[in-house]
Amino acid sequence: MRAGIFALSLSALLALLPGYGAAQDTEDKPATASPQEEAQPLSKEEQAEARRVAQAERAREAERERAAREKLCVIKPVMTDAEIAYCKGVWR
């Protein structure tokens, strides 16, 4: 019973703290420009490197997704039609 009362009072106290801190943070902060406004145009080499990095990341993500689908497809002696169709799609 004491633990429940303590937890309730602690959570109520913690709920009040973020509001107090947020009110303090809004004062005296200068406005900053967004990163898009400050970004310089990229050179052709930098653009090519960014494309290569993005393509490599897409390839890694596709490989992770393929591995996850293969992991879900478990060949069993008795399978439903839906499981068979899913596994056919995974292994093609």
PDB file of N, CA and C in Angstrom:
ATOM      1  N   MET A   1       0.823  -1.183   0.000  1.00  0.00           N
ATOM      2  CA  MET A   1       0.000   0.000   0.000  1.00  0.00           C
ATOM      3  C   MET A   1       0.873   1.254   0.000  1.00  0.00           C
ATOM      4  N   ARG A   2       1.933   1.258   0.849  1.00  0.00           N
ATOM      5  CA  ARG A   2       2.823   2.411   0.908  1.00  0.00           C
ATOM      6  C   ARG A   2       3.545   2.626  -0.418  1.00  0.00           C
ATOM      7  N   ALA A   3       3.944   1.518  -1.056  1.00  0.00           N
ATOM      8  CA  ALA A   3       4.667   1.631  -2.317  1.00  0.00           C
ATOM      9  C   ALA A   3       3.782   2.275  -3.385  1.00  0.00           C
ATOM     10  N   GLY A   4       2.499   1.940  -3.389  1.00  0.00           N
ATOM     11  CA  GLY A   4       1.578   2.519  -4.362  1.00  0.00           C
ATOM     12  C   GLY A   4       1.396   4.008  -4.144  1.00  0.00           C
ATOM     13  N   ILE A   5       1.270   4.419  -2.904  1.00  0.00           N
ATOM     14  CA  ILE A   5       1.113   5.839  -2.583  1.00  0.00           C
ATOM     15  C   ILE A   5       2.389   6.594  -2.938  1.00  0.00           C
ATOM     16  N   PHE A   6       3.532   5.999  -2.624  1.00  0.00           N
ATOM     17  CA  PHE A   6       4.809   6.630  -2.940  1.00  0.00           C
ATOM     18  C   PHE A   6       4.971   6.788  -4.451  1.00  0.00           C
ATOM     19  N   ALA A   7       4.651   5.736  -5.202  1.00  0.00           N
ATOM     20  CA  ALA A   7       4.784   5.786  -6.653  1.00  0.00           C
ATOM     21  C   ALA A   7       3.845   6.830  -7.246  1.00  0.00           C
ATOM     22  N   LEU A   8       2.634   6.914  -6.714  1.00  0.00           N
ATOM     23  CA  LEU A   8       1.665   7.880  -7.204  1.00  0.00           C
ATOM     24  C   LEU A   8       2.130   9.305  -6.926  1.00  0.00           C
ATOM     25  N   SER A   9       2.615   9.543  -5.730  1.00  0.00           N
ATOM     26  CA  SER A   9       3.073  10.895  -5.401  1.00  0.00           C
ATOM     27  C   SER A   9       4.336  11.248  -6.178  1.00  0.00           C
ATOM     28  N   LEU A  10       5.212  10.291  -6.401  1.00  0.00           N
ATOM     29  CA  LEU A  10       6.420  10.530  -7.173  1.00  0.00           C
ATOM     30  C   LEU A  10       6.082  10.839  -8.627  1.00  0.00           C
ATOM     31  N   SER A  11       5.148  10.099  -9.208  1.00  0.00           N
ATOM     32  CA  SER A  11       4.778  10.359 -10.595  1.00  0.00           C
ATOM     33  C   SER A  11       4.089  11.713 -10.726  1.00  0.00           C
ATOM     34  N   ALA A  12       3.287  12.109  -9.734  1.00  0.00           N
ATOM     35  CA  ALA A  12       2.656  13.429  -9.773  1.00  0.00           C
ATOM     36  C   ALA A  12       3.714  14.523  -9.684  1.00  0.00           C
ATOM     37  N   LEU A  13       4.706  14.324  -8.846  1.00  0.00           N
ATOM     38  CA  LEU A  13       5.780  15.300  -8.708  1.00  0.00           C
ATOM     39  C   LEU A  13       6.581  15.407 -10.007  1.00  0.00           C
ATOM     40  N   LEU A  14       6.902  14.285 -10.610  1.00  0.00           N
ATOM     41  CA  LEU A  14       7.662  14.289 -11.856  1.00  0.00           C
ATOM     42  C   LEU A  14       6.859  14.889 -12.999  1.00  0.00           C
ATOM     43  N   ALA A  15       5.553  14.742 -12.972  1.00  0.00           N
ATOM     44  CA  ALA A  15       4.714  15.322 -14.017  1.00  0.00           C
ATOM     45  C   ALA A  15       4.761  16.837 -13.968  1.00  0.00           C
ATOM     46  N   LEU A  16       4.968  17.407 -12.798  1.00  0.00           N
ATOM     47  CA  LEU A  16       5.026  18.854 -12.662  1.00  0.00           C
ATOM     48  C   LEU A  16       6.371  19.423 -13.102  1.00  0.00           C
ATOM     49  N   LEU A  17       7.440  18.668 -13.004  1.00  0.00           N
ATOM     50  CA  LEU A  17       8.770  19.176 -13.308  1.00  0.00           C
ATOM     51  C   LEU A  17       8.976  19.539 -14.773  1.00  0.00           C
ATOM     52  N   PRO A  18       8.592  18.733 -15.754  1.00  0.00           N
ATOM     53  CA  PRO A  18       8.855  19.115 -17.143  1.00  0.00           C
ATOM     54  C   PRO A  18       8.184  20.425 -17.534  1.00  0.00           C
ATOM     55  N   GLY A  19       7.000  20.707 -17.016  1.00  0.00           N
ATOM     56  CA  GLY A  19       6.330  21.958 -17.323  1.00  0.00           C
ATOM     57  C   GLY A  19       7.105  23.148 -16.791  1.00  0.00           C
ATOM     58  N   TYR A  20       7.656  23.016 -15.616  1.00  0.00           N
ATOM     59  CA  TYR A  20       8.446  24.090 -15.024  1.00  0.00           C
ATOM     60  C   TYR A  20       9.719  24.314 -15.834  1.00  0.00           C
ATOM     61  N   GLY A  21      10.385  23.226 -16.211  1.00  0.00           N
ATOM     62  CA  GLY A  21      11.614  23.341 -16.996  1.00  0.00           C
ATOM     63  C   GLY A  21      11.365  23.898 -18.380  1.00  0.00           C
ATOM     64  N   ALA A  22      10.264  23.533 -19.000  1.00  0.00           N
ATOM     65  CA  ALA A  22       9.956  24.021 -20.337  1.00  0.00           C
ATOM     66  C   ALA A  22       9.683  25.517 -20.311  1.00  0.00           C
ATOM     67  N   ALA A  23       9.062  26.009 -19.247  1.00  0.00           N
ATOM     68  CA  ALA A  23       8.794  27.433 -19.141  1.00  0.00           C
ATOM     69  C   ALA A  23      10.104  28.212 -19.015  1.00  0.00           C
ATOM     70  N   GLN A  24      11.074  27.660 -18.344  1.00  0.00           N
ATOM     71  CA  GLN A  24      12.355  28.341 -18.194  1.00  0.00           C
ATOM     72  C   GLN A  24      13.125  28.349 -19.504  1.00  0.00           C
ATOM     73  N   ASP A  25      13.042  27.284 -20.279  1.00  0.00           N
ATOM     74  CA  ASP A  25      13.826  27.161 -21.500  1.00  0.00           C
ATOM     75  C   ASP A  25      13.379  28.123 -22.586  1.00  0.00           C
ATOM     76  N   THR A  26      12.159  28.589 -22.562  1.00  0.00           N
ATOM     77  CA  THR A  26      11.666  29.456 -23.629  1.00  0.00           C
ATOM     78  C   THR A  26      12.225  30.865 -23.525  1.00  0.00           C
ATOM     79  N   GLU A  27      12.749  31.247 -22.396  1.00  0.00           N
ATOM     80  CA  GLU A  27      13.282  32.583 -22.210  1.00  0.00           C
ATOM     81  C   GLU A  27      14.705  32.683 -22.747  1.00  0.00           C
ATOM     82  N   ASP A  28      15.067  33.830 -23.292  1.00  0.00           N
ATOM     83  CA  ASP A  28      16.432  34.174 -23.668  1.00  0.00           C
ATOM     84  C   ASP A  28      17.066  33.218 -24.673  1.00  0.00           C
ATOM     85  N   LYS A  29      16.290  32.644 -25.576  1.00  0.00           N
ATOM     86  CA  LYS A  29      16.879  31.800 -26.615  1.00  0.00           C
ATOM     87  C   LYS A  29      16.807  32.555 -27.942  1.00  0.00           C
ATOM     88  N   PRO A  30      17.935  32.784 -28.572  1.00  0.00           N
ATOM     89  CA  PRO A  30      17.901  33.466 -29.867  1.00  0.00           C
ATOM     90  C   PRO A  30      17.371  32.524 -30.946  1.00  0.00           C
ATOM     91  N   ALA A  31      16.706  33.097 -31.916  1.00  0.00           N
ATOM     92  CA  ALA A  31      16.183  32.297 -33.027  1.00  0.00           C
ATOM     93  C   ALA A  31      17.349  31.878 -33.909  1.00  0.00           C
ATOM     94  N   THR A  32      17.363  30.602 -34.294  1.00  0.00           N
ATOM     95  CA  THR A  32      18.432  30.094 -35.148  1.00  0.00           C
ATOM     96  C   THR A  32      17.858  29.709 -36.491  1.00  0.00           C
ATOM     97  N   ALA A  33      18.661  29.767 -37.504  1.00  0.00           N
ATOM     98  CA  ALA A  33      18.235  29.389 -38.844  1.00  0.00           C
ATOM     99  C   ALA A  33      18.186  27.873 -38.952  1.00  0.00           C
ATOM    100  N   SER A  34      17.307  27.371 -39.778  1.00  0.00           N
ATOM    101  CA  SER A  34      17.199  25.927 -39.956  1.00  0.00           C
ATOM    102  C   SER A  34      18.420  25.411 -40.712  1.00  0.00           C
ATOM    103  N   PRO A  35      18.755  24.128 -40.563  1.00  0.00           N
ATOM    104  CA  PRO A  35      19.928  23.575 -41.258  1.00  0.00           C
ATOM    105  C   PRO A  35      19.815  23.671 -42.779  1.00  0.00           C
ATOM    106  N   GLN A  36      18.605  23.657 -43.312  1.00  0.00           N
ATOM    107  CA  GLN A  36      18.442  23.729 -44.760  1.00  0.00           C
ATOM    108  C   GLN A  36      18.850  25.095 -45.283  1.00  0.00           C
ATOM    109  N   GLU A  37      18.602  26.145 -44.509  1.00  0.00           N
ATOM    110  CA  GLU A  37      18.964  27.481 -44.947  1.00  0.00           C
ATOM    111  C   GLU A  37      20.466  27.687 -44.914  1.00  0.00           C
ATOM    112  N   GLU A  38      21.166  27.014 -43.998  1.00  0.00           N
ATOM    113  CA  GLU A  38      22.600  27.187 -43.850  1.00  0.00           C
ATOM    114  C   GLU A  38      23.395  26.263 -44.771  1.00  0.00           C
ATOM    115  N   ALA A  39      22.781  25.250 -45.339  1.00  0.00           N
ATOM    116  CA  ALA A  39      23.494  24.261 -46.142  1.00  0.00           C
ATOM    117  C   ALA A  39      24.006  24.890 -47.438  1.00  0.00           C
ATOM    118  N   GLN A  40      25.259  24.595 -47.743  1.00  0.00           N
ATOM    119  CA  GLN A  40      25.868  25.066 -48.972  1.00  0.00           C
ATOM    120  C   GLN A  40      25.570  24.067 -50.084  1.00  0.00           C
ATOM    121  N   PRO A  41      25.482  24.514 -51.321  1.00  0.00           N
ATOM    122  CA  PRO A  41      25.272  23.575 -52.425  1.00  0.00           C
ATOM    123  C   PRO A  41      26.449  22.592 -52.501  1.00  0.00           C
ATOM    124  N   LEU A  42      26.123  21.346 -52.767  1.00  0.00           N
ATOM    125  CA  LEU A  42      27.156  20.309 -52.815  1.00  0.00           C
ATOM    126  C   LEU A  42      27.829  20.294 -54.179  1.00  0.00           C
ATOM    127  N   SER A  43      29.110  19.941 -54.172  1.00  0.00           N
ATOM    128  CA  SER A  43      29.822  19.797 -55.432  1.00  0.00           C
ATOM    129  C   SER A  43      29.381  18.487 -56.098  1.00  0.00           C
ATOM    130  N   LYS A  44      29.770  18.314 -57.354  1.00  0.00           N
ATOM    131  CA  LYS A  44      29.383  17.095 -58.075  1.00  0.00           C
ATOM    132  C   LYS A  44      29.954  15.853 -57.414  1.00  0.00           C
ATOM    133  N   GLU A  45      31.166  15.948 -56.890  1.00  0.00           N
ATOM    134  CA  GLU A  45      31.763  14.798 -56.216  1.00  0.00           C
ATOM    135  C   GLU A  45      30.996  14.470 -54.936  1.00  0.00           C
ATOM    136  N   GLU A  46      30.631  15.500 -54.189  1.00  0.00           N
ATOM    137  CA  GLU A  46      29.862  15.273 -52.962  1.00  0.00           C
ATOM    138  C   GLU A  46      28.487  14.702 -53.261  1.00  0.00           C
ATOM    139  N   GLN A  47      27.857  15.180 -54.344  1.00  0.00           N
ATOM    140  CA  GLN A  47      26.554  14.648 -54.739  1.00  0.00           C
ATOM    141  C   GLN A  47      26.676  13.185 -55.134  1.00  0.00           C
ATOM    142  N   ALA A  48      27.734  12.845 -55.873  1.00  0.00           N
ATOM    143  CA  ALA A  48      27.940  11.456 -56.286  1.00  0.00           C
ATOM    144  C   ALA A  48      28.179  10.571 -55.066  1.00  0.00           C
ATOM    145  N   GLU A  49      28.951  11.062 -54.117  1.00  0.00           N
ATOM    146  CA  GLU A  49      29.209  10.292 -52.893  1.00  0.00           C
ATOM    147  C   GLU A  49      27.919  10.110 -52.097  1.00  0.00           C
ATOM    148  N   ALA A  50      27.113  11.160 -52.018  1.00  0.00           N
ATOM    149  CA  ALA A  50      25.837  11.065 -51.295  1.00  0.00           C
ATOM    150  C   ALA A  50      24.924  10.044 -51.969  1.00  0.00           C
ATOM    151  N   ARG A  51      24.923  10.021 -53.307  1.00  0.00           N
ATOM    152  CA  ARG A  51      24.107   9.023 -54.019  1.00  0.00           C
ATOM    153  C   ARG A  51      24.611   7.613 -53.748  1.00  0.00           C
ATOM    154  N   ARG A  52      25.941   7.429 -53.744  1.00  0.00           N
ATOM    155  CA  ARG A  52      26.505   6.105 -53.472  1.00  0.00           C
ATOM    156  C   ARG A  52      26.157   5.643 -52.060  1.00  0.00           C
ATOM    157  N   VAL A  53      26.270   6.541 -51.109  1.00  0.00           N
ATOM    158  CA  VAL A  53      25.955   6.200 -49.716  1.00  0.00           C
ATOM    159  C   VAL A  53      24.475   5.836 -49.585  1.00  0.00           C
ATOM    160  N   ALA A  54      23.603   6.631 -50.219  1.00  0.00           N
ATOM    161  CA  ALA A  54      22.166   6.356 -50.155  1.00  0.00           C
ATOM    162  C   ALA A  54      21.836   5.025 -50.823  1.00  0.00           C
ATOM    163  N   GLN A  55      22.486   4.736 -51.956  1.00  0.00           N
ATOM    164  CA  GLN A  55      22.242   3.465 -52.645  1.00  0.00           C
ATOM    165  C   GLN A  55      22.722   2.294 -51.797  1.00  0.00           C
ATOM    166  N   ALA A  56      23.857   2.437 -51.150  1.00  0.00           N
ATOM    167  CA  ALA A  56      24.367   1.368 -50.292  1.00  0.00           C
ATOM    168  C   ALA A  56      23.433   1.147 -49.114  1.00  0.00           C
ATOM    169  N   GLU A  57      22.903   2.235 -48.546  1.00  0.00           N
ATOM    170  CA  GLU A  57      21.968   2.108 -47.428  1.00  0.00           C
ATOM    171  C   GLU A  57      20.679   1.420 -47.875  1.00  0.00           C
ATOM    172  N   ARG A  58      20.179   1.768 -49.057  1.00  0.00           N
ATOM    173  CA  ARG A  58      18.974   1.097 -49.578  1.00  0.00           C
ATOM    174  C   ARG A  58      19.229  -0.384 -49.798  1.00  0.00           C
ATOM    175  N   ALA A  59      20.429  -0.733 -50.293  1.00  0.00           N
ATOM    176  CA  ALA A  59      20.763  -2.134 -50.516  1.00  0.00           C
ATOM    177  C   ALA A  59      20.839  -2.891 -49.188  1.00  0.00           C
ATOM    178  N   ARG A  60      21.437  -2.267 -48.175  1.00  0.00           N
ATOM    179  CA  ARG A  60      21.501  -2.913 -46.853  1.00  0.00           C
ATOM    180  C   ARG A  60      20.106  -3.103 -46.273  1.00  0.00           C
ATOM    181  N   GLU A  61      19.247  -2.105 -46.425  1.00  0.00           N
ATOM    182  CA  GLU A  61      17.881  -2.209 -45.902  1.00  0.00           C
ATOM    183  C   GLU A  61      17.110  -3.300 -46.645  1.00  0.00           C
ATOM    184  N   ALA A  62      17.282  -3.395 -47.957  1.00  0.00           N
ATOM    185  CA  ALA A  62      16.609  -4.440 -48.724  1.00  0.00           C
ATOM    186  C   ALA A  62      17.088  -5.825 -48.285  1.00  0.00           C
ATOM    187  N   GLU A  63      18.374  -5.954 -48.006  1.00  0.00           N
ATOM    188  CA  GLU A  63      18.925  -7.236 -47.545  1.00  0.00           C
ATOM    189  C   GLU A  63      18.365  -7.601 -46.166  1.00  0.00           C
ATOM    190  N   ARG A  64      18.249  -6.603 -45.290  1.00  0.00           N
ATOM    191  CA  ARG A  64      17.667  -6.865 -43.965  1.00  0.00           C
ATOM    192  C   ARG A  64      16.212  -7.307 -44.082  1.00  0.00           C
ATOM    193  N   GLU A  65      15.458  -6.639 -44.961  1.00  0.00           N
ATOM    194  CA  GLU A  65      14.050  -7.011 -45.156  1.00  0.00           C
ATOM    195  C   GLU A  65      13.936  -8.422 -45.735  1.00  0.00           C
ATOM    196  N   ARG A  66      14.801  -8.751 -46.696  1.00  0.00           N
ATOM    197  CA  ARG A  66      14.781 -10.087 -47.303  1.00  0.00           C
ATOM    198  C   ARG A  66      15.101 -11.143 -46.251  1.00  0.00           C
ATOM    199  N   ALA A  67      16.103 -10.872 -45.414  1.00  0.00           N
ATOM    200  CA  ALA A  67      16.475 -11.822 -44.369  1.00  0.00           C
ATOM    201  C   ALA A  67      15.338 -11.998 -43.357  1.00  0.00           C
ATOM    202  N   ALA A  68      14.649 -10.917 -43.038  1.00  0.00           N
ATOM    203  CA  ALA A  68      13.525 -11.010 -42.098  1.00  0.00           C
ATOM    204  C   ALA A  68      12.393 -11.847 -42.696  1.00  0.00           C
ATOM    205  N   ARG A  69      12.111 -11.659 -43.993  1.00  0.00           N
ATOM    206  CA  ARG A  69      11.063 -12.465 -44.641  1.00  0.00           C
ATOM    207  C   ARG A  69      11.464 -13.934 -44.685  1.00  0.00           C
ATOM    208  N   GLU A  70      12.740 -14.204 -44.982  1.00  0.00           N
ATOM    209  CA  GLU A  70      13.195 -15.594 -45.010  1.00  0.00           C
ATOM    210  C   GLU A  70      13.099 -16.227 -43.628  1.00  0.00           C
ATOM    211  N   LYS A  71      13.374 -15.455 -42.591  1.00  0.00           N
ATOM    212  CA  LYS A  71      13.304 -15.983 -41.235  1.00  0.00           C
ATOM    213  C   LYS A  71      11.863 -16.360 -40.876  1.00  0.00           C
ATOM    214  N   LEU A  72      10.890 -15.592 -41.382  1.00  0.00           N
ATOM    215  CA  LEU A  72       9.487 -15.882 -41.095  1.00  0.00           C
ATOM    216  C   LEU A  72       8.982 -17.107 -41.851  1.00  0.00           C
ATOM    217  N   CYS A  73       9.636 -17.443 -42.948  1.00  0.00           N
ATOM    218  CA  CYS A  73       9.205 -18.576 -43.755  1.00  0.00           C
ATOM    219  C   CYS A  73       9.897 -19.837 -43.253  1.00  0.00           C
ATOM    220  N   VAL A  74       9.166 -20.643 -42.520  1.00  0.00           N
ATOM    221  CA  VAL A  74       9.692 -21.894 -41.981  1.00  0.00           C
ATOM    222  C   VAL A  74       8.985 -23.032 -42.709  1.00  0.00           C
ATOM    223  N   ILE A  75       9.770 -23.878 -43.381  1.00  0.00           N
ATOM    224  CA  ILE A  75       9.202 -25.011 -44.099  1.00  0.00           C
ATOM    225  C   ILE A  75       8.852 -26.089 -43.085  1.00  0.00           C
ATOM    226  N   LYS A  76       7.577 -26.494 -43.094  1.00  0.00           N
ATOM    227  CA  LYS A  76       7.073 -27.500 -42.163  1.00  0.00           C
ATOM    228  C   LYS A  76       6.415 -28.616 -42.964  1.00  0.00           C
ATOM    229  N   PRO A  77       6.258 -29.801 -42.385  1.00  0.00           N
ATOM    230  CA  PRO A  77       5.599 -30.897 -43.112  1.00  0.00           C
ATOM    231  C   PRO A  77       4.148 -30.571 -43.479  1.00  0.00           C
ATOM    232  N   VAL A  78       3.470 -29.848 -42.618  1.00  0.00           N
ATOM    233  CA  VAL A  78       2.084 -29.472 -42.894  1.00  0.00           C
ATOM    234  C   VAL A  78       2.001 -27.957 -42.836  1.00  0.00           C
ATOM    235  N   MET A  79       1.586 -27.346 -43.967  1.00  0.00           N
ATOM    236  CA  MET A  79       1.503 -25.889 -44.056  1.00  0.00           C
ATOM    237  C   MET A  79       0.166 -25.500 -44.669  1.00  0.00           C
ATOM    238  N   THR A  80      -0.327 -24.333 -44.284  1.00  0.00           N
ATOM    239  CA  THR A  80      -1.563 -23.828 -44.891  1.00  0.00           C
ATOM    240  C   THR A  80      -1.238 -23.282 -46.276  1.00  0.00           C
ATOM    241  N   ASP A  81      -2.277 -23.057 -47.067  1.00  0.00           N
ATOM    242  CA  ASP A  81      -2.071 -22.494 -48.392  1.00  0.00           C
ATOM    243  C   ASP A  81      -1.446 -21.101 -48.306  1.00  0.00           C
ATOM    244  N   ALA A  82      -1.837 -20.335 -47.296  1.00  0.00           N
ATOM    245  CA  ALA A  82      -1.274 -18.996 -47.127  1.00  0.00           C
ATOM    246  C   ALA A  82       0.220 -19.074 -46.819  1.00  0.00           C
ATOM    247  N   GLU A  83       0.624 -20.013 -45.965  1.00  0.00           N
ATOM    248  CA  GLU A  83       2.043 -20.166 -45.646  1.00  0.00           C
ATOM    249  C   GLU A  83       2.832 -20.600 -46.874  1.00  0.00           C
ATOM    250  N   ILE A  84       2.270 -21.507 -47.660  1.00  0.00           N
ATOM    251  CA  ILE A  84       2.938 -21.967 -48.884  1.00  0.00           C
ATOM    252  C   ILE A  84       3.101 -20.804 -49.856  1.00  0.00           C
ATOM    253  N   ALA A  85       2.047 -20.009 -50.040  1.00  0.00           N
ATOM    254  CA  ALA A  85       2.110 -18.869 -50.953  1.00  0.00           C
ATOM    255  C   ALA A  85       3.137 -17.845 -50.476  1.00  0.00           C
ATOM    256  N   TYR A  86       3.170 -17.608 -49.156  1.00  0.00           N
ATOM    257  CA  TYR A  86       4.136 -16.644 -48.616  1.00  0.00           C
ATOM    258  C   TYR A  86       5.564 -17.119 -48.872  1.00  0.00           C
ATOM    259  N   CYS A  87       5.828 -18.390 -48.595  1.00  0.00           N
ATOM    260  CA  CYS A  87       7.180 -18.925 -48.786  1.00  0.00           C
ATOM    261  C   CYS A  87       7.575 -18.941 -50.257  1.00  0.00           C
ATOM    262  N   LYS A  88       6.622 -19.205 -51.141  1.00  0.00           N
ATOM    263  CA  LYS A  88       6.938 -19.136 -52.575  1.00  0.00           C
ATOM    264  C   LYS A  88       7.363 -17.727 -52.951  1.00  0.00           C
ATOM    265  N   GLY A  89       6.646 -16.743 -52.422  1.00  0.00           N
ATOM    266  CA  GLY A  89       7.007 -15.356 -52.718  1.00  0.00           C
ATOM    267  C   GLY A  89       8.349 -14.964 -52.135  1.00  0.00           C
ATOM    268  N   VAL A  90       8.672 -15.485 -50.965  1.00  0.00           N
ATOM    269  CA  VAL A  90       9.941 -15.152 -50.310  1.00  0.00           C
ATOM    270  C   VAL A  90      11.113 -15.725 -51.088  1.00  0.00           C
ATOM    271  N   TRP A  91      11.000 -16.939 -51.545  1.00  0.00           N
ATOM    272  CA  TRP A  91      12.139 -17.618 -52.164  1.00  0.00           C
ATOM    273  C   TRP A  91      12.240 -17.380 -53.648  1.00  0.00           C
ATOM    274  N   ARG A  92      11.426 -16.533 -54.213  1.00  0.00           N
ATOM    275  CA  ARG A  92      11.557 -16.216 -55.651  1.00  0.00           C
ATOM    276  C   ARG A  92      12.356 -14.988 -55.854  1.00  0.00           C
TER     277      ARG A  92
END
